Amino acid sequence: MTNLKRFLAVGASVVTAACGTKEAAGPLEPTGPTGRVRFVDMITDTTRGRVNAILEGIPFGVNLVYGGSTPASLPSPSTANYSAILAGNRTMLLKRTADTTTVVATIGFTVTADQDQTIYAIGGANGSTISPLIVQDNNPAIATSAARVRFVNLSPTAAGVDIFVTAPNADLSTATPTFTNVGYRGASTYATPAVGTYQVRIVPAGTAPAARSAAVVATIASLALPGGTGRTIVIGDRNLGGTPITTFVLTDQ
């Protein structure tokens, strides 16, 4: 953590000098109660989509491409799934990596003590507005014999979906959906499957059982769920918007 703190301190001084902002208590400094925050870039616009995330003058994520998340994008040893952020009202600026004078979005959010949350930046295709979706994450301790998985649907093209987390090559016509009708900008509850390797298949909501196999819009052929872990799977359009539907697996714990 010493190296990360030095990096953040240097980054903060550089950004402050460049932007002329006043010095303030750093949101990444553990001077009081903290919550944990993760940011994910789901901007479907190659012009505005590669971004740096600046949290009140401090680099929070750099050179983030579509599906990229932070703090994992920061230099080693920043390998945590979330960053501890000082509780309170916070502001994040998203700036184009290729031209950091261009702000593509301003995201205001509230950090609550002892609460995990993920901030997704979505939109952008065909010049559309880039906006945030903030999802509260629930990450309790998990027994080593179990795992947790949930889905966040950020694909306007897919719209509502049914999601099957099954043994590999299980017959979808007889399978029970793990989650049903997860709509755009919606987050499922958490499922707690046994430890193992699964296949994920996503179909339009309400697809008749006999038609499911032919209607699959996205697949994860092999999803490993080790004991004591949690995963969030993000469903999105391709990086320019539209099909093919894609997925990203985020490590929660």
C-alpha atoms as a PDB file:
ATOM      1  CA  MET A   1       0.000   0.000   0.000  1.00  0.00           C
ATOM      2  CA  THR A   2       2.973   2.353   0.521  1.00  0.00           C
ATOM      3  CA  ASN A   3       3.726   2.477  -3.193  1.00  0.00           C
ATOM      4  CA  LEU A   4       0.065   3.075  -4.036  1.00  0.00           C
ATOM      5  CA  LYS A   5      -0.161   5.935  -1.556  1.00  0.00           C
ATOM      6  CA  ARG A   6       2.950   7.510  -3.088  1.00  0.00           C
ATOM      7  CA  PHE A   7       1.464   7.144  -6.567  1.00  0.00           C
ATOM      8  CA  LEU A   8      -1.818   8.724  -5.491  1.00  0.00           C
ATOM      9  CA  ALA A   9      -0.033  11.531  -3.701  1.00  0.00           C
ATOM     10  CA  VAL A  10       2.065  12.324  -6.781  1.00  0.00           C
ATOM     11  CA  GLY A  11      -0.972  12.032  -9.049  1.00  0.00           C
ATOM     12  CA  ALA A  12      -2.949  14.351  -6.816  1.00  0.00           C
ATOM     13  CA  SER A  13      -0.234  16.999  -6.891  1.00  0.00           C
ATOM     14  CA  VAL A  14       0.041  16.784 -10.679  1.00  0.00           C
ATOM     15  CA  VAL A  15      -3.699  17.079 -11.212  1.00  0.00           C
ATOM     16  CA  THR A  16      -3.965  19.909  -8.691  1.00  0.00           C
ATOM     17  CA  ALA A  17      -1.225  21.822 -10.454  1.00  0.00           C
ATOM     18  CA  ALA A  18      -2.772  21.212 -13.866  1.00  0.00           C
ATOM     19  CA  CYS A  19      -6.341  22.043 -12.918  1.00  0.00           C
ATOM     20  CA  GLY A  20      -5.781  24.731 -10.296  1.00  0.00           C
ATOM     21  CA  THR A  21      -7.999  23.016  -7.725  1.00  0.00           C
ATOM     22  CA  LYS A  22      -7.655  23.826  -4.038  1.00  0.00           C
ATOM     23  CA  GLU A  23      -6.112  21.343  -1.653  1.00  0.00           C
ATOM     24  CA  ALA A  24      -8.615  19.271   0.321  1.00  0.00           C
ATOM     25  CA  ALA A  25      -8.693  16.142   2.400  1.00  0.00           C
ATOM     26  CA  GLY A  26      -8.048  13.277   0.005  1.00  0.00           C
ATOM     27  CA  PRO A  27     -10.980  10.882  -0.452  1.00  0.00           C
ATOM     28  CA  LEU A  28      -8.535   7.958  -0.478  1.00  0.00           C
ATOM     29  CA  GLU A  29      -7.019   8.924   2.865  1.00  0.00           C
ATOM     30  CA  PRO A  30      -8.422   6.784   5.714  1.00  0.00           C
ATOM     31  CA  THR A  31      -9.065   9.682   8.109  1.00  0.00           C
ATOM     32  CA  GLY A  32     -12.574   8.551   9.039  1.00  0.00           C
ATOM     33  CA  PRO A  33     -15.330   6.068   8.149  1.00  0.00           C
ATOM     34  CA  THR A  34     -15.006   4.616   4.660  1.00  0.00           C
ATOM     35  CA  GLY A  35     -17.045   2.769   2.073  1.00  0.00           C
ATOM     36  CA  ARG A  36     -15.627   0.819  -0.848  1.00  0.00           C
ATOM     37  CA  VAL A  37     -15.986   1.940  -4.464  1.00  0.00           C
ATOM     38  CA  ARG A  38     -15.286   0.406  -7.863  1.00  0.00           C
ATOM     39  CA  PHE A  39     -15.669   2.123 -11.245  1.00  0.00           C
ATOM     40  CA  VAL A  40     -16.384   0.322 -14.545  1.00  0.00           C
ATOM     41  CA  ASP A  41     -16.174   1.932 -17.993  1.00  0.00           C
ATOM     42  CA  MET A  42     -19.139   0.806 -20.131  1.00  0.00           C
ATOM     43  CA  ILE A  43     -19.108   3.766 -22.531  1.00  0.00           C
ATOM     44  CA  THR A  44     -20.093   2.657 -26.045  1.00  0.00           C
ATOM     45  CA  ASP A  45     -18.174   5.344 -27.943  1.00  0.00           C
ATOM     46  CA  THR A  46     -14.567   4.891 -29.077  1.00  0.00           C
ATOM     47  CA  THR A  47     -14.064   8.667 -29.257  1.00  0.00           C
ATOM     48  CA  ARG A  48     -15.129   9.340 -25.673  1.00  0.00           C
ATOM     49  CA  GLY A  49     -14.885   5.824 -24.301  1.00  0.00           C
ATOM     50  CA  ARG A  50     -11.206   5.521 -23.334  1.00  0.00           C
ATOM     51  CA  VAL A  51     -11.098   7.535 -20.139  1.00  0.00           C
ATOM     52  CA  ASN A  52      -9.217   8.503 -17.021  1.00  0.00           C
ATOM     53  CA  ALA A  53     -11.315   8.584 -13.857  1.00  0.00           C
ATOM     54  CA  ILE A  54     -10.327  11.460 -11.563  1.00  0.00           C
ATOM     55  CA  LEU A  55     -11.742  11.377  -8.035  1.00  0.00           C
ATOM     56  CA  GLU A  56     -11.578  14.892  -6.596  1.00  0.00           C
ATOM     57  CA  GLY A  57      -8.170  15.547  -8.097  1.00  0.00           C
ATOM     58  CA  ILE A  58      -6.761  12.064  -7.529  1.00  0.00           C
ATOM     59  CA  PRO A  59      -6.266   9.535 -10.357  1.00  0.00           C
ATOM     60  CA  PHE A  60      -8.697   6.719  -9.634  1.00  0.00           C
ATOM     61  CA  GLY A  61      -8.384   4.877 -12.953  1.00  0.00           C
ATOM     62  CA  VAL A  62      -6.244   5.496 -16.020  1.00  0.00           C
ATOM     63  CA  ASN A  63      -6.558   4.562 -19.695  1.00  0.00           C
ATOM     64  CA  LEU A  64      -9.752   2.611 -19.076  1.00  0.00           C
ATOM     65  CA  VAL A  65     -11.117   0.861 -22.156  1.00  0.00           C
ATOM     66  CA  TYR A  66     -14.602  -0.575 -22.581  1.00  0.00           C
ATOM     67  CA  GLY A  67     -15.207  -3.038 -19.772  1.00  0.00           C
ATOM     68  CA  GLY A  68     -12.167  -1.807 -17.829  1.00  0.00           C
ATOM     69  CA  SER A  69     -12.462  -1.315 -14.085  1.00  0.00           C
ATOM     70  CA  THR A  70     -10.604   0.376 -11.306  1.00  0.00           C
ATOM     71  CA  PRO A  71      -8.770   0.222  -8.909  1.00  0.00           C
ATOM     72  CA  ALA A  72      -7.306  -2.686 -10.896  1.00  0.00           C
ATOM     73  CA  SER A  73      -6.077  -0.278 -13.584  1.00  0.00           C
ATOM     74  CA  LEU A  74      -3.799   1.564 -11.159  1.00  0.00           C
ATOM     75  CA  PRO A  75      -0.142   0.541 -10.883  1.00  0.00           C
ATOM     76  CA  SER A  76       0.918  -2.415  -8.750  1.00  0.00           C
ATOM     77  CA  PRO A  77       0.349  -3.177  -5.905  1.00  0.00           C
ATOM     78  CA  SER A  78      -3.213  -1.924  -6.453  1.00  0.00           C
ATOM     79  CA  THR A  79      -4.795  -5.336  -6.884  1.00  0.00           C
ATOM     80  CA  ALA A  80      -7.847  -4.784  -4.668  1.00  0.00           C
ATOM     81  CA  ASN A  81     -11.344  -5.254  -6.038  1.00  0.00           C
ATOM     82  CA  TYR A  82     -12.525  -1.947  -4.550  1.00  0.00           C
ATOM     83  CA  SER A  83     -10.931   1.186  -3.122  1.00  0.00           C
ATOM     84  CA  ALA A  84     -11.706   2.433   0.377  1.00  0.00           C
ATOM     85  CA  ILE A  85     -13.108   5.952   0.003  1.00  0.00           C
ATOM     86  CA  LEU A  86     -13.763   8.439   2.787  1.00  0.00           C
ATOM     87  CA  ALA A  87     -17.520   8.571   3.501  1.00  0.00           C
ATOM     88  CA  GLY A  88     -19.422  11.583   2.200  1.00  0.00           C
ATOM     89  CA  ASN A  89     -20.504  13.209  -1.047  1.00  0.00           C
ATOM     90  CA  ARG A  90     -17.933  12.688  -3.803  1.00  0.00           C
ATOM     91  CA  THR A  91     -17.403  13.782  -7.401  1.00  0.00           C
ATOM     92  CA  MET A  92     -15.644  11.855 -10.158  1.00  0.00           C
ATOM     93  CA  LEU A  93     -14.628  13.355 -13.492  1.00  0.00           C
ATOM     94  CA  LEU A  94     -14.202  11.182 -16.560  1.00  0.00           C
ATOM     95  CA  LYS A  95     -11.688  12.677 -18.972  1.00  0.00           C
ATOM     96  CA  ARG A  96     -10.609  11.472 -22.366  1.00  0.00           C
ATOM     97  CA  THR A  97      -7.288   9.659 -22.027  1.00  0.00           C
ATOM     98  CA  ALA A  98      -6.160  11.075 -25.386  1.00  0.00           C
ATOM     99  CA  ASP A  99      -7.092  14.635 -24.386  1.00  0.00           C
ATOM    100  CA  THR A 100      -7.443  15.154 -20.647  1.00  0.00           C
ATOM    101  CA  THR A 101      -8.802  18.676 -21.167  1.00  0.00           C
ATOM    102  CA  THR A 102     -12.032  17.052 -22.361  1.00  0.00           C
ATOM    103  CA  VAL A 103     -14.471  16.011 -19.633  1.00  0.00           C
ATOM    104  CA  VAL A 104     -16.919  13.412 -20.948  1.00  0.00           C
ATOM    105  CA  ALA A 105     -18.950  13.015 -17.754  1.00  0.00           C
ATOM    106  CA  THR A 106     -19.215  14.299 -14.206  1.00  0.00           C
ATOM    107  CA  ILE A 107     -20.488  11.768 -11.678  1.00  0.00           C
ATOM    108  CA  GLY A 108     -21.683  12.754  -8.238  1.00  0.00           C
ATOM    109  CA  PHE A 109     -22.189   9.990  -5.701  1.00  0.00           C
ATOM    110  CA  THR A 110     -22.397   9.368  -1.975  1.00  0.00           C
ATOM    111  CA  VAL A 111     -20.079   7.035  -0.108  1.00  0.00           C
ATOM    112  CA  THR A 112     -21.735   5.369   2.880  1.00  0.00           C
ATOM    113  CA  ALA A 113     -19.599   3.879   5.629  1.00  0.00           C
ATOM    114  CA  ASP A 114     -19.148   0.111   5.361  1.00  0.00           C
ATOM    115  CA  GLN A 115     -21.082  -0.082   2.070  1.00  0.00           C
ATOM    116  CA  ASP A 116     -19.653  -1.413  -1.216  1.00  0.00           C
ATOM    117  CA  GLN A 117     -20.803   0.078  -4.510  1.00  0.00           C
ATOM    118  CA  THR A 118     -19.935  -0.025  -8.189  1.00  0.00           C
ATOM    119  CA  ILE A 119     -20.253   3.007 -10.443  1.00  0.00           C
ATOM    120  CA  TYR A 120     -20.873   2.171 -14.102  1.00  0.00           C
ATOM    121  CA  ALA A 121     -20.521   4.805 -16.833  1.00  0.00           C
ATOM    122  CA  ILE A 122     -22.967   3.889 -19.609  1.00  0.00           C
ATOM    123  CA  GLY A 123     -24.242   5.303 -22.896  1.00  0.00           C
ATOM    124  CA  GLY A 124     -22.314   7.113 -25.597  1.00  0.00           C
ATOM    125  CA  ALA A 125     -23.338   5.231 -28.760  1.00  0.00           C
ATOM    126  CA  ASN A 126     -24.420   7.515 -31.619  1.00  0.00           C
ATOM    127  CA  GLY A 127     -23.533  10.582 -29.559  1.00  0.00           C
ATOM    128  CA  SER A 128     -25.905   9.739 -26.728  1.00  0.00           C
ATOM    129  CA  THR A 129     -25.417  11.090 -23.230  1.00  0.00           C
ATOM    130  CA  ILE A 130     -22.974   9.330 -20.907  1.00  0.00           C
ATOM    131  CA  SER A 131     -24.533   8.784 -17.498  1.00  0.00           C
ATOM    132  CA  PRO A 132     -23.822   6.781 -14.344  1.00  0.00           C
ATOM    133  CA  LEU A 133     -25.555   3.772 -12.912  1.00  0.00           C
ATOM    134  CA  ILE A 134     -24.652   3.206  -9.262  1.00  0.00           C
ATOM    135  CA  VAL A 135     -25.283  -0.278  -7.892  1.00  0.00           C
ATOM    136  CA  GLN A 136     -24.986  -1.267  -4.243  1.00  0.00           C
ATOM    137  CA  ASP A 137     -22.931  -4.433  -3.783  1.00  0.00           C
ATOM    138  CA  ASN A 138     -23.432  -6.943  -0.993  1.00  0.00           C
ATOM    139  CA  ASN A 139     -20.237  -8.787  -0.071  1.00  0.00           C
ATOM    140  CA  PRO A 140     -20.607 -10.698   3.195  1.00  0.00           C
ATOM    141  CA  ALA A 141     -18.161 -13.389   4.208  1.00  0.00           C
ATOM    142  CA  ILE A 142     -18.757 -16.567   2.202  1.00  0.00           C
ATOM    143  CA  ALA A 143     -18.180 -20.122   3.359  1.00  0.00           C
ATOM    144  CA  THR A 144     -15.417 -21.943   1.505  1.00  0.00           C
ATOM    145  CA  SER A 145     -18.010 -24.459   0.306  1.00  0.00           C
ATOM    146  CA  ALA A 146     -20.104 -21.828  -1.500  1.00  0.00           C
ATOM    147  CA  ALA A 147     -19.884 -18.904  -3.920  1.00  0.00           C
ATOM    148  CA  ARG A 148     -22.021 -15.914  -4.898  1.00  0.00           C
ATOM    149  CA  VAL A 149     -22.907 -14.591  -8.344  1.00  0.00           C
ATOM    150  CA  ARG A 150     -25.220 -11.901  -9.661  1.00  0.00           C
ATOM    151  CA  PHE A 151     -25.792 -10.047 -12.942  1.00  0.00           C
ATOM    152  CA  VAL A 152     -26.056  -6.396 -13.969  1.00  0.00           C
ATOM    153  CA  ASN A 153     -27.728  -5.777 -17.333  1.00  0.00           C
ATOM    154  CA  LEU A 154     -26.244  -2.787 -19.163  1.00  0.00           C
ATOM    155  CA  SER A 155     -27.292  -3.854 -22.657  1.00  0.00           C
ATOM    156  CA  PRO A 156     -30.084  -1.725 -24.131  1.00  0.00           C
ATOM    157  CA  THR A 157     -30.038  -4.025 -27.158  1.00  0.00           C
ATOM    158  CA  ALA A 158     -30.663  -7.181 -25.124  1.00  0.00           C
ATOM    159  CA  ALA A 159     -33.361  -5.468 -23.023  1.00  0.00           C
ATOM    160  CA  GLY A 160     -34.932  -7.897 -20.518  1.00  0.00           C
ATOM    161  CA  VAL A 161     -33.205 -11.270 -20.243  1.00  0.00           C
ATOM    162  CA  ASP A 162     -33.495 -14.654 -18.555  1.00  0.00           C
ATOM    163  CA  ILE A 163     -30.198 -16.030 -17.294  1.00  0.00           C
ATOM    164  CA  PHE A 164     -29.219 -19.664 -16.880  1.00  0.00           C
ATOM    165  CA  VAL A 165     -26.235 -20.712 -14.765  1.00  0.00           C
ATOM    166  CA  THR A 166     -26.024 -24.448 -15.338  1.00  0.00           C
ATOM    167  CA  ALA A 167     -23.715 -27.399 -15.642  1.00  0.00           C
ATOM    168  CA  PRO A 168     -21.882 -27.229 -18.991  1.00  0.00           C
ATOM    169  CA  ASN A 169     -24.115 -28.216 -21.928  1.00  0.00           C
ATOM    170  CA  ALA A 170     -27.198 -28.725 -19.762  1.00  0.00           C
ATOM    171  CA  ASP A 171     -30.448 -28.884 -21.725  1.00  0.00           C
ATOM    172  CA  LEU A 172     -31.951 -25.389 -21.641  1.00  0.00           C
ATOM    173  CA  SER A 173     -35.407 -26.678 -22.509  1.00  0.00           C
ATOM    174  CA  THR A 174     -35.648 -28.357 -19.118  1.00  0.00           C
ATOM    175  CA  ALA A 175     -33.468 -25.977 -17.107  1.00  0.00           C
ATOM    176  CA  THR A 176     -34.791 -23.521 -14.538  1.00  0.00           C
ATOM    177  CA  PRO A 177     -33.665 -19.918 -15.050  1.00  0.00           C
ATOM    178  CA  THR A 178     -31.312 -18.697 -12.348  1.00  0.00           C
ATOM    179  CA  PHE A 179     -32.696 -15.189 -12.877  1.00  0.00           C
ATOM    180  CA  THR A 180     -35.721 -14.066 -14.882  1.00  0.00           C
ATOM    181  CA  ASN A 181     -36.504 -10.810 -16.652  1.00  0.00           C
ATOM    182  CA  VAL A 182     -33.439  -8.825 -15.604  1.00  0.00           C
ATOM    183  CA  GLY A 183     -34.114  -5.557 -17.401  1.00  0.00           C
ATOM    184  CA  TYR A 184     -31.796  -2.933 -18.828  1.00  0.00           C
ATOM    185  CA  ARG A 185     -30.072  -1.017 -16.000  1.00  0.00           C
ATOM    186  CA  GLY A 186     -31.278  -3.735 -13.636  1.00  0.00           C
ATOM    187  CA  ALA A 187     -29.267  -5.813 -11.163  1.00  0.00           C
ATOM    188  CA  SER A 188     -30.284  -9.298 -10.121  1.00  0.00           C
ATOM    189  CA  THR A 189     -30.233 -10.627  -6.594  1.00  0.00           C
ATOM    190  CA  TYR A 190     -27.394 -12.962  -5.616  1.00  0.00           C
ATOM    191  CA  ALA A 191     -27.408 -16.674  -6.287  1.00  0.00           C
ATOM    192  CA  THR A 192     -25.313 -18.977  -4.119  1.00  0.00           C
ATOM    193  CA  PRO A 193     -24.326 -21.962  -6.250  1.00  0.00           C
ATOM    194  CA  ALA A 194     -22.060 -24.706  -4.994  1.00  0.00           C
ATOM    195  CA  VAL A 195     -18.377 -24.402  -5.786  1.00  0.00           C
ATOM    196  CA  GLY A 196     -17.707 -25.525  -9.348  1.00  0.00           C
ATOM    197  CA  THR A 197     -17.486 -24.589 -13.013  1.00  0.00           C
ATOM    198  CA  TYR A 198     -20.647 -23.486 -14.794  1.00  0.00           C
ATOM    199  CA  GLN A 199     -21.933 -22.427 -18.186  1.00  0.00           C
ATOM    200  CA  VAL A 200     -23.844 -19.156 -18.438  1.00  0.00           C
ATOM    201  CA  ARG A 201     -26.413 -18.623 -21.175  1.00  0.00           C
ATOM    202  CA  ILE A 202     -28.555 -15.540 -21.640  1.00  0.00           C
ATOM    203  CA  VAL A 203     -31.803 -15.466 -23.626  1.00  0.00           C
ATOM    204  CA  PRO A 204     -34.532 -12.864 -24.180  1.00  0.00           C
ATOM    205  CA  ALA A 205     -36.935 -12.769 -21.258  1.00  0.00           C
ATOM    206  CA  GLY A 206     -39.872 -15.106 -21.597  1.00  0.00           C
ATOM    207  CA  THR A 207     -38.389 -17.272 -24.354  1.00  0.00           C
ATOM    208  CA  ALA A 208     -40.304 -20.555 -24.596  1.00  0.00           C
ATOM    209  CA  PRO A 209     -38.338 -23.536 -23.237  1.00  0.00           C
ATOM    210  CA  ALA A 210     -38.100 -25.316 -26.602  1.00  0.00           C
ATOM    211  CA  ALA A 211     -36.736 -22.156 -28.260  1.00  0.00           C
ATOM    212  CA  ARG A 212     -34.116 -21.232 -25.679  1.00  0.00           C
ATOM    213  CA  SER A 213     -31.083 -22.942 -27.236  1.00  0.00           C
ATOM    214  CA  ALA A 214     -31.616 -21.160 -30.553  1.00  0.00           C
ATOM    215  CA  ALA A 215     -32.289 -17.822 -28.850  1.00  0.00           C
ATOM    216  CA  VAL A 216     -29.102 -17.503 -26.758  1.00  0.00           C
ATOM    217  CA  VAL A 217     -27.700 -13.963 -27.115  1.00  0.00           C
ATOM    218  CA  ALA A 218     -24.580 -14.387 -24.963  1.00  0.00           C
ATOM    219  CA  THR A 219     -22.670 -17.287 -23.442  1.00  0.00           C
ATOM    220  CA  ILE A 220     -19.890 -17.785 -20.929  1.00  0.00           C
ATOM    221  CA  ALA A 221     -18.703 -21.271 -21.747  1.00  0.00           C
ATOM    222  CA  SER A 222     -16.760 -21.787 -18.532  1.00  0.00           C
ATOM    223  CA  LEU A 223     -17.341 -19.753 -15.374  1.00  0.00           C
ATOM    224  CA  ALA A 224     -15.255 -20.960 -12.438  1.00  0.00           C
ATOM    225  CA  LEU A 225     -16.731 -20.178  -9.018  1.00  0.00           C
ATOM    226  CA  PRO A 226     -14.156 -21.080  -6.354  1.00  0.00           C
ATOM    227  CA  GLY A 227     -15.137 -21.393  -2.722  1.00  0.00           C
ATOM    228  CA  GLY A 228     -15.514 -18.205  -0.722  1.00  0.00           C
ATOM    229  CA  THR A 229     -15.714 -15.949  -3.784  1.00  0.00           C
ATOM    230  CA  GLY A 230     -18.225 -13.522  -5.256  1.00  0.00           C
ATOM    231  CA  ARG A 231     -18.663 -12.459  -8.872  1.00  0.00           C
ATOM    232  CA  THR A 232     -20.675  -9.801 -10.686  1.00  0.00           C
ATOM    233  CA  ILE A 233     -21.285 -10.484 -14.369  1.00  0.00           C
ATOM    234  CA  VAL A 234     -21.992  -7.425 -16.490  1.00  0.00           C
ATOM    235  CA  ILE A 235     -24.052  -7.841 -19.663  1.00  0.00           C
ATOM    236  CA  GLY A 236     -23.343  -5.179 -22.272  1.00  0.00           C
ATOM    237  CA  ASP A 237     -23.570  -4.280 -25.933  1.00  0.00           C
ATOM    238  CA  ARG A 238     -20.403  -4.422 -28.018  1.00  0.00           C
ATOM    239  CA  ASN A 239     -18.008  -1.511 -27.539  1.00  0.00           C
ATOM    240  CA  LEU A 240     -19.726   0.520 -30.301  1.00  0.00           C
ATOM    241  CA  GLY A 241     -23.238  -0.386 -29.185  1.00  0.00           C
ATOM    242  CA  GLY A 242     -25.543  -3.043 -30.596  1.00  0.00           C
ATOM    243  CA  THR A 243     -24.759  -6.691 -31.152  1.00  0.00           C
ATOM    244  CA  PRO A 244     -23.059  -8.998 -30.435  1.00  0.00           C
ATOM    245  CA  ILE A 245     -23.983  -8.893 -26.761  1.00  0.00           C
ATOM    246  CA  THR A 246     -20.931  -9.302 -24.527  1.00  0.00           C
ATOM    247  CA  THR A 247     -20.200 -10.064 -20.885  1.00  0.00           C
ATOM    248  CA  PHE A 248     -17.568  -9.048 -18.338  1.00  0.00           C
ATOM    249  CA  VAL A 249     -16.830 -10.904 -15.117  1.00  0.00           C
ATOM    250  CA  LEU A 250     -15.957  -8.708 -12.127  1.00  0.00           C
ATOM    251  CA  THR A 251     -14.363 -10.119  -9.002  1.00  0.00           C
ATOM    252  CA  ASP A 252     -16.223  -8.902  -5.914  1.00  0.00           C
ATOM    253  CA  GLN A 253     -14.371 -11.022  -3.352  1.00  0.00           C
END
